[in-house]
Amino acid sequence: MKKMFTKLFSTVLVMALVLTGFTVKAQQTTLASVTTLNKKNDAKADSAIVAKTDKKTDAAAIVKPAADAPAWVPVRRLWGYAFGDLYFDQHADATNRGSETMYNGVPANRNAFQFRRMYIGYDYDIDQKFTAEVLLASEPNANTGVNGTTSIQNGDNLVDGKMAFWIKNFNLRVRNLWTGTDLVVGEMGTPGFALNEPGTNAPTSLSEATWGYRFIEKTITDFHKNNSYDLGAALQGTFDPKTKNFGYVFMLGNNSTSSLLSAANANTGFYKITYGDLWGKFFNKQLYVDIYAHYAPTSPAVGTIPDQQSNTMMKIFAAYINPKFSIGVEAYTQQIKDGVTNKGTTTNEDATVNGLSIWVKGAIVKDKLSFFARYDGYNPDTKYDSANSYTVNTNYGSYNNPATKETFFTGGLDYTPAPKIHFSPNFWLIDYKDQRASTTTGYVGDDHTLVFRATFYYTFGK
């Protein structure tokens, strides 16, 4: 149908150009005749005819650019991608720390084929001003389990263990609400790390897209469960619409991602999260810099907590991008107000989280074989008192263990036999270190989880 429409449109366009050509030629012939006649007529008649032909010439000049202008072609695109592994869990942490990881709870020496993500998306241009996006996701974990008969833990699976899709994005974009700025309303990617919207005024250089190996692992802020998507409204803009080297994102969201929380829940309908981002491309677009912040009040004063709780994040990402070799650094600090209670002093304390990620990647054989390596350091509470244990107060869901520092490593090769198809042998290692002194109640010795993987990744339709 699309090919037939294209052929029909092309035929009509050629006919229009031919007719326009005949019309212009006829106008030129008429103009020549009129000019000859003008020489024989008086000045008044001559002036009238010249004025008349000027109008014809102006009309022809207006028609020509319209005929030459490229036609707008609406997008109707079904797309998707998937990635997974054959993995071997060579060593598992004895106490199953790292609840935010996909291998938490997986026993040592287990091996399996596993999908880690499947996407099906649809993009639809309603007209030149409005476009809609739908994205369905399934993101199962290796540690998915069933609690009783009705509750699923740690995975996007049905109660019977089958993989299931859920709605991750569903939004309407208003292009160029004003020049260089789009308005997006609905469930969408946040500017925390994940936005990558070519052909719009949204950024394409945030940390996830620049790292480029989401099929190996999330970026550090995503790894520790900060929002990659949310329900709300956003302005996504560029300060220089022609070159798109500098821009911003401002978003107001529910801080509930895709969860359907009760209307009475303090985290939806009462408080909102505010996201802000500034990004820039420098030195012929080889240096990317991105500055991000969010502020989220999370609950009112309750029990022994006298003040309203909240969490605030500040993050900077910078990367040098080159086809042969690239390097990136992402660092953030996050304050969780009244996030923990010191059991020894029985006082509430703010928890300050610090994270640092450094990665490198480069080409070995152009367009066929590449390498990558990454290091992450994560401290959930920089002011932790090693002589005491803590309880967690915050209802900020991704924060659950202030005692354990984490160091993450990954590295491997990326073989691309054809565009949009990747095979990657790699390793995945995370070390755990308890911040409590060995004499403090609850102390757990150092341990790690090590997984070897043969990863596959492919995209289609986009």
Protein backbone atom coordinates (compact mmCIF):
# COMPACT_ATOMS: atom_id res chain seq x y z
CA MET A 1 0.00 0.00 0.00
CA LYS A 2 2.82 2.34 0.94
CA LYS A 3 4.69 1.59 -2.33
CA MET A 4 1.50 2.16 -4.36
CA PHE A 5 0.94 5.48 -2.60
CA THR A 6 4.56 6.49 -3.22
CA LYS A 7 4.31 5.67 -6.96
CA LEU A 8 0.99 7.50 -7.28
CA PHE A 9 2.36 10.52 -5.42
CA SER A 10 5.49 10.53 -7.62
CA THR A 11 3.39 10.38 -10.81
CA VAL A 12 1.20 13.28 -9.68
CA LEU A 13 4.29 15.28 -8.71
CA VAL A 14 5.94 14.70 -12.14
CA MET A 15 2.73 15.73 -13.92
CA ALA A 16 2.53 18.85 -11.78
CA LEU A 17 6.11 19.77 -12.64
CA VAL A 18 5.48 19.22 -16.38
CA LEU A 19 2.31 21.35 -16.29
CA THR A 20 4.15 24.02 -14.34
CA GLY A 21 6.89 23.98 -16.99
CA PHE A 22 4.37 24.45 -19.83
CA THR A 23 2.69 27.24 -17.90
CA VAL A 24 5.92 29.11 -17.32
CA LYS A 25 6.95 28.67 -20.96
CA ALA A 26 3.59 29.97 -22.12
CA GLN A 27 3.91 32.94 -19.77
CA GLN A 28 7.36 33.70 -21.20
CA THR A 29 6.01 33.58 -24.78
CA THR A 30 3.10 35.84 -23.86
CA LEU A 31 5.41 38.23 -22.10
CA ALA A 32 7.63 38.50 -25.16
CA SER A 33 4.61 39.31 -27.36
CA VAL A 34 3.34 41.86 -24.90
CA THR A 35 6.74 43.55 -24.74
CA THR A 36 6.81 43.90 -28.56
CA LEU A 37 3.33 45.38 -28.50
CA ASN A 38 4.27 47.75 -25.71
CA LYS A 39 6.89 49.39 -27.88
CA LYS A 40 4.16 50.38 -30.33
CA ASN A 41 1.62 51.55 -27.77
CA ASP A 42 1.57 54.73 -25.71
CA ALA A 43 3.22 55.05 -22.26
CA LYS A 44 -0.04 54.57 -20.31
CA ALA A 45 -0.85 51.24 -21.97
CA ASP A 46 2.74 50.18 -21.59
CA SER A 47 2.68 50.85 -17.83
CA ALA A 48 -0.55 48.90 -17.37
CA ILE A 49 0.74 45.86 -19.26
CA VAL A 50 4.06 45.85 -17.39
CA ALA A 51 2.23 45.97 -14.05
CA LYS A 52 0.07 43.08 -15.16
CA THR A 53 3.01 40.94 -16.29
CA ASP A 54 4.84 41.70 -13.02
CA LYS A 55 1.95 40.11 -11.14
CA LYS A 56 2.21 37.02 -13.35
CA THR A 57 5.95 36.81 -12.78
CA ASP A 58 5.46 37.10 -9.00
CA ALA A 59 2.87 34.34 -9.09
CA ALA A 60 5.24 32.06 -11.00
CA ALA A 61 7.99 32.77 -8.47
CA ILE A 62 5.68 31.77 -5.61
CA VAL A 63 4.62 28.51 -7.28
CA LYS A 64 8.14 27.28 -8.07
CA PRO A 65 9.47 26.81 -4.49
CA ALA A 66 6.30 24.98 -3.49
CA ALA A 67 6.81 22.51 -6.35
CA ASP A 68 10.47 22.00 -5.43
CA ALA A 69 9.88 21.66 -1.66
CA PRO A 70 10.16 18.13 -0.24
CA ALA A 71 6.86 16.59 0.80
CA TRP A 72 6.26 15.75 4.45
CA VAL A 73 6.12 11.99 4.94
CA PRO A 74 4.33 10.83 8.12
CA VAL A 75 5.93 8.14 10.29
CA ARG A 76 4.02 4.90 10.81
CA ARG A 77 6.62 2.66 12.42
CA LEU A 78 6.45 -0.64 14.28
CA TRP A 79 9.78 -1.36 15.94
CA GLY A 80 11.38 -3.32 18.72
CA TYR A 81 14.43 -4.92 20.17
CA ALA A 82 15.46 -7.69 22.53
CA PHE A 83 18.49 -8.78 24.46
CA GLY A 84 19.41 -11.66 26.72
CA ASP A 85 22.12 -14.15 27.52
CA LEU A 86 23.32 -17.63 28.10
CA TYR A 87 24.68 -17.00 31.59
CA PHE A 88 26.69 -18.97 34.12
CA ASP A 89 26.61 -17.76 37.72
CA GLN A 90 30.09 -18.81 38.78
CA HIS A 91 29.87 -17.38 42.33
CA ALA A 92 26.98 -15.93 44.35
CA ASP A 93 27.10 -13.65 47.38
CA ALA A 94 26.38 -15.81 50.41
CA THR A 95 23.82 -13.43 51.90
CA ASN A 96 22.17 -12.36 48.63
CA ARG A 97 23.00 -8.69 48.89
CA GLY A 98 22.29 -6.38 45.96
CA SER A 99 18.53 -6.72 45.77
CA GLU A 100 18.52 -4.22 42.87
CA THR A 101 20.53 -6.59 40.64
CA MET A 102 19.19 -9.22 38.27
CA TYR A 103 21.26 -12.01 39.87
CA ASN A 104 20.28 -11.46 43.48
CA GLY A 105 19.12 -14.82 44.83
CA VAL A 106 20.44 -16.84 41.87
CA PRO A 107 22.36 -19.84 43.25
CA ALA A 108 25.99 -20.43 42.34
CA ASN A 109 26.68 -22.62 39.29
CA ARG A 110 23.26 -22.03 37.79
CA ASN A 111 23.25 -21.55 34.01
CA ALA A 112 20.36 -20.68 31.72
CA PHE A 113 19.25 -18.91 28.57
CA GLN A 114 17.35 -15.79 29.57
CA PHE A 115 15.77 -12.74 27.99
CA ARG A 116 16.45 -9.61 30.03
CA ARG A 117 14.42 -7.18 27.92
CA MET A 118 11.93 -7.26 25.06
CA TYR A 119 10.46 -4.09 23.55
CA ILE A 120 7.65 -3.58 21.05
CA GLY A 121 7.05 0.05 20.08
CA TYR A 122 4.86 1.98 17.67
CA ASP A 123 5.39 5.56 16.52
CA TYR A 124 2.54 7.38 14.72
CA ASP A 125 2.55 10.87 13.26
CA ILE A 126 -1.00 12.18 13.59
CA ASP A 127 -0.03 15.21 11.51
CA GLN A 128 2.98 17.52 11.18
CA LYS A 129 2.34 18.96 14.64
CA PHE A 130 1.35 15.93 16.74
CA THR A 131 2.92 12.51 17.12
CA ALA A 132 2.12 9.58 19.41
CA GLU A 133 4.39 6.92 20.92
CA VAL A 134 3.51 3.55 22.44
CA LEU A 135 6.04 1.20 24.03
CA LEU A 136 5.36 -2.22 25.53
CA ALA A 137 8.10 -3.81 27.63
CA SER A 138 8.89 -7.14 29.22
CA GLU A 139 11.93 -7.17 31.50
CA PRO A 140 12.13 -10.49 33.36
CA ASN A 141 14.83 -11.20 35.95
CA ALA A 142 16.75 -14.38 36.60
CA ASN A 143 15.55 -14.24 40.21
CA THR A 144 11.82 -13.99 39.55
CA GLY A 145 9.82 -15.90 42.14
CA VAL A 146 6.23 -16.45 43.23
CA ASN A 147 5.06 -15.49 46.71
CA GLY A 148 2.11 -17.75 47.43
CA THR A 149 -0.25 -17.97 44.46
CA THR A 150 -1.02 -14.35 43.65
CA SER A 151 2.09 -12.22 44.04
CA ILE A 152 5.12 -11.99 41.76
CA GLN A 153 8.49 -10.87 43.08
CA ASN A 154 11.41 -9.40 41.16
CA GLY A 155 10.19 -9.67 37.59
CA ASP A 156 7.76 -8.67 34.86
CA ASN A 157 6.20 -12.11 34.76
CA LEU A 158 2.70 -13.42 35.25
CA VAL A 159 1.74 -15.43 38.31
CA ASP A 160 2.24 -18.64 36.33
CA GLY A 161 5.78 -17.56 35.41
CA LYS A 162 5.05 -16.61 31.78
CA MET A 163 6.68 -13.48 30.39
CA ALA A 164 4.29 -10.53 30.11
CA PHE A 165 4.28 -7.12 28.43
CA TRP A 166 3.31 -3.93 30.24
CA ILE A 167 2.93 -0.29 29.19
CA LYS A 168 6.21 1.62 29.57
CA ASN A 169 5.56 4.62 27.31
CA PHE A 170 2.31 6.06 26.03
CA ASN A 171 2.50 9.74 25.15
CA LEU A 172 1.60 12.57 22.83
CA ARG A 173 4.27 14.94 21.49
CA VAL A 174 3.49 18.47 20.29
CA ARG A 175 6.31 19.41 17.94
CA ASN A 176 7.65 22.95 18.16
CA LEU A 177 5.23 24.29 20.72
CA TRP A 178 7.51 27.19 20.09
CA THR A 179 10.57 27.07 17.85
CA GLY A 180 13.00 24.49 19.18
CA THR A 181 10.80 23.15 22.00
CA ASP A 182 8.45 20.16 22.11
CA LEU A 183 5.75 19.47 24.69
CA VAL A 184 5.27 15.82 25.69
CA VAL A 185 2.34 14.61 27.81
CA GLY A 186 1.85 11.06 29.13
CA GLU A 187 4.15 8.24 30.20
CA MET A 188 7.62 8.94 28.83
CA GLY A 189 11.37 8.68 29.38
CA THR A 190 12.79 11.05 31.98
CA PRO A 191 15.99 13.06 31.40
CA GLY A 192 17.77 11.08 34.14
CA PHE A 193 19.75 9.05 31.59
CA ALA A 194 17.48 7.41 29.07
CA LEU A 195 16.10 9.92 26.55
CA ASN A 196 17.14 9.32 22.95
CA GLU A 197 14.64 10.80 20.50
CA PRO A 198 16.20 11.53 17.07
CA GLY A 199 14.14 13.83 14.87
CA THR A 200 12.71 15.76 17.82
CA ASN A 201 13.93 18.53 20.11
CA ALA A 202 14.78 16.00 22.83
CA PRO A 203 18.42 15.16 23.63
CA THR A 204 20.18 12.23 21.97
CA SER A 205 23.37 12.40 24.04
CA LEU A 206 22.39 11.47 27.60
CA SER A 207 24.38 8.81 29.44
CA GLU A 208 22.51 5.66 28.37
CA ALA A 209 22.63 6.36 24.63
CA THR A 210 26.26 7.49 24.84
CA TRP A 211 27.36 4.45 26.87
CA GLY A 212 25.67 2.44 24.14
CA TYR A 213 25.74 -0.89 25.96
CA ARG A 214 22.41 -1.01 27.74
CA PHE A 215 22.20 -4.62 26.61
CA ILE A 216 25.19 -5.31 28.86
CA GLU A 217 24.10 -3.24 31.88
CA LYS A 218 22.15 -0.15 32.93
CA THR A 219 23.88 3.14 33.66
CA ILE A 220 24.76 3.66 37.33
CA THR A 221 21.70 5.76 38.18
CA ASP A 222 19.42 3.27 36.43
CA PHE A 223 21.23 0.39 38.15
CA HIS A 224 20.23 1.92 41.50
CA LYS A 225 16.62 2.37 40.41
CA ASN A 226 16.21 6.07 39.77
CA ASN A 227 13.35 6.78 37.37
CA SER A 228 14.05 6.14 33.70
CA TYR A 229 10.41 6.88 32.84
CA ASP A 230 7.44 8.47 34.55
CA LEU A 231 3.92 9.77 34.02
CA GLY A 232 3.72 13.54 33.63
CA ALA A 233 4.44 16.43 31.26
CA ALA A 234 7.74 17.70 29.86
CA LEU A 235 9.27 20.47 27.80
CA GLN A 236 12.15 19.15 25.67
CA GLY A 237 13.98 21.92 23.88
CA THR A 238 17.06 23.23 22.13
CA PHE A 239 18.55 26.69 22.52
CA ASP A 240 19.90 26.54 18.94
CA PRO A 241 17.22 24.79 16.83
CA LYS A 242 19.29 24.86 13.62
CA THR A 243 22.38 23.08 15.01
CA LYS A 244 20.94 21.43 18.14
CA ASN A 245 24.15 21.60 20.13
CA PHE A 246 22.60 22.86 23.37
CA GLY A 247 19.32 22.11 25.05
CA TYR A 248 17.25 21.41 28.12
CA VAL A 249 14.49 19.24 29.57
CA PHE A 250 12.05 20.24 32.28
CA MET A 251 9.58 17.63 33.50
CA LEU A 252 6.97 17.30 36.21
CA GLY A 253 6.00 13.71 37.09
CA ASN A 254 4.15 11.51 39.54
CA ASN A 255 7.30 9.69 40.70
CA SER A 256 5.36 6.45 40.28
CA THR A 257 6.83 5.26 36.92
CA SER A 258 4.16 2.85 35.58
CA SER A 259 2.78 1.78 38.96
CA LEU A 260 -0.93 2.19 39.61
CA LEU A 261 -0.77 3.47 43.16
CA SER A 262 -3.86 4.08 45.26
CA ALA A 263 -5.28 7.58 45.03
CA ALA A 264 -4.78 7.82 48.79
CA ASN A 265 -1.07 6.98 48.50
CA ALA A 266 1.11 9.96 49.48
CA ASN A 267 3.37 9.32 46.49
CA THR A 268 0.76 10.08 43.87
CA GLY A 269 -1.72 12.91 43.70
CA PHE A 270 -0.15 14.77 46.62
CA TYR A 271 3.51 15.23 45.73
CA LYS A 272 5.33 15.48 42.42
CA ILE A 273 8.90 14.97 41.30
CA THR A 274 10.59 17.76 39.36
CA TYR A 275 13.24 16.83 36.80
CA GLY A 276 15.65 19.30 35.18
CA ASP A 277 18.43 18.79 32.65
CA LEU A 278 20.89 20.91 30.64
CA TRP A 279 22.97 19.31 27.89
CA GLY A 280 25.56 20.46 25.39
CA LYS A 281 27.78 19.18 22.57
CA PHE A 282 31.18 20.80 22.08
CA PHE A 283 34.24 20.58 19.82
CA ASN A 284 32.47 19.44 16.68
CA LYS A 285 30.11 17.30 18.78
CA GLN A 286 32.89 15.13 20.17
CA LEU A 287 32.46 16.26 23.78
CA TYR A 288 29.11 15.72 25.51
CA VAL A 289 28.24 17.35 28.83
CA ASP A 290 24.98 16.76 30.68
CA ILE A 291 23.90 18.21 34.03
CA TYR A 292 20.85 16.72 35.74
CA ALA A 293 18.90 17.28 38.95
CA HIS A 294 15.64 16.17 40.50
CA TYR A 295 13.71 16.92 43.66
CA ALA A 296 11.04 14.58 45.02
CA PRO A 297 9.10 14.98 48.29
CA THR A 298 8.12 11.42 49.18
CA SER A 299 5.95 11.44 52.30
CA PRO A 300 4.63 13.69 55.06
CA ALA A 301 5.95 13.72 58.61
CA VAL A 302 5.10 10.39 60.22
CA GLY A 303 5.77 8.74 63.59
CA THR A 304 9.20 9.73 64.89
CA ILE A 305 10.05 11.65 61.69
CA PRO A 306 9.15 15.31 62.33
CA ASP A 307 9.74 16.64 58.82
CA GLN A 308 8.51 15.79 55.38
CA GLN A 309 10.81 13.30 53.68
CA SER A 310 12.34 13.90 50.27
CA ASN A 311 15.19 12.91 48.00
CA THR A 312 17.34 15.22 45.88
CA MET A 313 19.83 14.22 43.22
CA MET A 314 22.56 16.15 41.38
CA LYS A 315 24.40 14.44 38.53
CA ILE A 316 26.95 15.29 35.87
CA PHE A 317 27.87 13.21 32.84
CA ALA A 318 30.69 13.95 30.40
CA ALA A 319 32.02 11.90 27.50
CA TYR A 320 34.52 12.19 24.68
CA ILE A 321 33.14 10.41 21.63
CA ASN A 322 35.25 9.16 18.73
CA PRO A 323 34.66 6.24 16.31
CA LYS A 324 37.98 4.69 17.39
CA PHE A 325 37.93 5.32 21.15
CA SER A 326 35.43 6.86 23.61
CA ILE A 327 35.45 7.47 27.33
CA GLY A 328 32.69 8.60 29.69
CA VAL A 329 32.34 9.61 33.33
CA GLU A 330 29.09 9.84 35.30
CA ALA A 331 29.01 11.03 38.92
CA TYR A 332 26.09 11.80 41.20
CA THR A 333 25.20 12.60 44.76
CA GLN A 334 21.79 12.06 46.30
CA GLN A 335 20.45 13.20 49.64
CA ILE A 336 17.59 11.26 51.20
CA LYS A 337 16.13 13.42 53.96
CA ASP A 338 15.54 11.54 57.25
CA GLY A 339 16.28 8.41 55.26
CA VAL A 340 17.72 6.32 58.10
CA THR A 341 17.69 5.99 61.87
CA ASN A 342 20.89 5.29 63.78
CA LYS A 343 20.02 2.49 66.22
CA GLY A 344 22.83 3.46 68.56
CA THR A 345 21.88 7.13 68.91
CA THR A 346 18.18 6.59 68.05
CA THR A 347 18.28 9.72 65.89
CA ASN A 348 17.06 10.23 62.35
CA GLU A 349 19.77 11.04 59.82
CA ASP A 350 19.92 12.16 56.22
CA ALA A 351 21.49 9.52 54.02
CA THR A 352 23.93 10.85 51.41
CA VAL A 353 24.47 8.54 48.43
CA ASN A 354 27.47 8.89 46.11
CA GLY A 355 27.99 7.09 42.81
CA LEU A 356 30.75 7.16 40.18
CA SER A 357 30.88 5.34 36.84
CA ILE A 358 33.77 5.32 34.34
CA TRP A 359 33.66 3.48 31.03
CA VAL A 360 35.73 3.09 27.86
CA LYS A 361 34.91 1.57 24.50
CA GLY A 362 36.54 1.42 21.10
CA ALA A 363 36.82 -0.24 17.72
CA ILE A 364 39.05 -3.23 17.03
CA VAL A 365 37.74 -3.93 13.52
CA LYS A 366 35.62 -1.09 12.12
CA ASP A 367 31.88 -1.83 12.21
CA LYS A 368 32.55 -5.47 13.15
CA LEU A 369 34.36 -5.88 16.44
CA SER A 370 34.62 -3.57 19.46
CA PHE A 371 35.60 -3.73 23.11
CA PHE A 372 34.13 -2.14 26.25
CA ALA A 373 34.95 -1.96 29.97
CA ARG A 374 33.32 -0.24 32.93
CA TYR A 375 33.83 0.44 36.63
CA ASP A 376 31.15 1.67 39.10
CA GLY A 377 31.58 2.66 42.72
CA TYR A 378 28.51 3.08 44.94
CA ASN A 379 28.26 4.22 48.56
CA PRO A 380 24.70 4.29 49.96
CA ASP A 381 25.60 6.43 53.00
CA THR A 382 28.81 8.44 53.09
CA LYS A 383 28.33 9.31 56.80
CA TYR A 384 27.67 5.77 57.99
CA ASP A 385 28.77 5.16 61.60
CA SER A 386 30.61 1.83 61.50
CA ALA A 387 29.96 1.24 65.20
CA ASN A 388 26.17 1.16 64.74
CA SER A 389 23.45 -0.43 62.66
CA TYR A 390 20.66 1.48 60.92
CA THR A 391 17.03 1.07 59.98
CA VAL A 392 15.62 2.56 56.77
CA ASN A 393 12.83 5.14 57.11
CA THR A 394 12.35 6.41 53.60
CA ASN A 395 9.68 5.06 51.31
CA TYR A 396 11.93 5.88 48.36
CA GLY A 397 11.71 2.37 46.97
CA SER A 398 15.20 1.94 45.52
CA TYR A 399 16.94 2.61 48.82
CA ASN A 400 17.04 -0.37 51.15
CA ASN A 401 20.54 -1.07 52.53
CA PRO A 402 22.75 1.79 53.76
CA ALA A 403 25.36 -0.64 55.13
CA THR A 404 26.63 -2.17 51.88
CA LYS A 405 29.09 -0.48 49.53
CA GLU A 406 29.21 -1.89 46.02
CA THR A 407 31.91 -2.01 43.35
CA PHE A 408 30.82 -3.15 39.90
CA PHE A 409 32.94 -4.27 36.93
CA THR A 410 32.04 -5.43 33.45
CA GLY A 411 33.94 -5.87 30.21
CA GLY A 412 33.86 -7.79 26.98
CA LEU A 413 33.78 -7.82 23.21
CA ASP A 414 31.00 -6.74 20.85
CA TYR A 415 30.79 -8.61 17.54
CA THR A 416 28.41 -7.10 14.95
CA PRO A 417 27.98 -9.49 11.99
CA ALA A 418 25.32 -7.23 10.49
CA PRO A 419 23.91 -3.81 11.42
CA LYS A 420 21.62 -3.97 14.49
CA ILE A 421 22.78 -7.47 15.49
CA HIS A 422 25.26 -7.98 18.35
CA PHE A 423 26.91 -10.95 20.02
CA SER A 424 28.95 -10.19 23.12
CA PRO A 425 30.97 -12.45 25.39
CA ASN A 426 31.34 -10.59 28.71
CA PHE A 427 31.70 -10.87 32.45
CA TRP A 428 29.57 -9.25 35.19
CA LEU A 429 31.12 -8.81 38.66
CA ILE A 430 29.91 -6.98 41.75
CA ASP A 431 31.79 -6.83 45.07
CA TYR A 432 30.02 -6.15 48.37
CA LYS A 433 31.67 -4.55 51.40
CA ASP A 434 29.93 -4.00 54.74
CA GLN A 435 30.43 -0.51 56.23
CA ARG A 436 29.92 -1.82 59.76
CA ALA A 437 32.88 -2.79 61.89
CA SER A 438 33.41 -6.53 62.19
CA THR A 439 32.39 -6.26 65.87
CA THR A 440 29.09 -4.50 65.10
CA THR A 441 25.90 -6.55 65.24
CA GLY A 442 24.77 -7.60 61.76
CA TYR A 443 28.19 -7.36 60.14
CA VAL A 444 28.61 -9.49 56.99
CA GLY A 445 32.01 -10.27 55.49
CA ASP A 446 33.10 -9.18 52.03
CA ASP A 447 31.75 -11.26 49.16
CA HIS A 448 30.87 -11.00 45.48
CA THR A 449 28.72 -12.23 42.61
CA LEU A 450 30.46 -13.23 39.37
CA VAL A 451 28.58 -14.13 36.19
CA PHE A 452 29.96 -15.09 32.76
CA ARG A 453 27.65 -14.40 29.83
CA ALA A 454 27.23 -14.85 26.09
CA THR A 455 24.90 -11.92 25.32
CA PHE A 456 22.79 -11.38 22.20
CA TYR A 457 21.04 -8.18 21.12
CA TYR A 458 19.07 -7.25 18.00
CA THR A 459 16.76 -4.47 16.84
CA PHE A 460 14.18 -4.21 14.09
CA GLY A 461 12.11 -1.53 12.42
CA LYS A 462 14.12 1.42 13.73
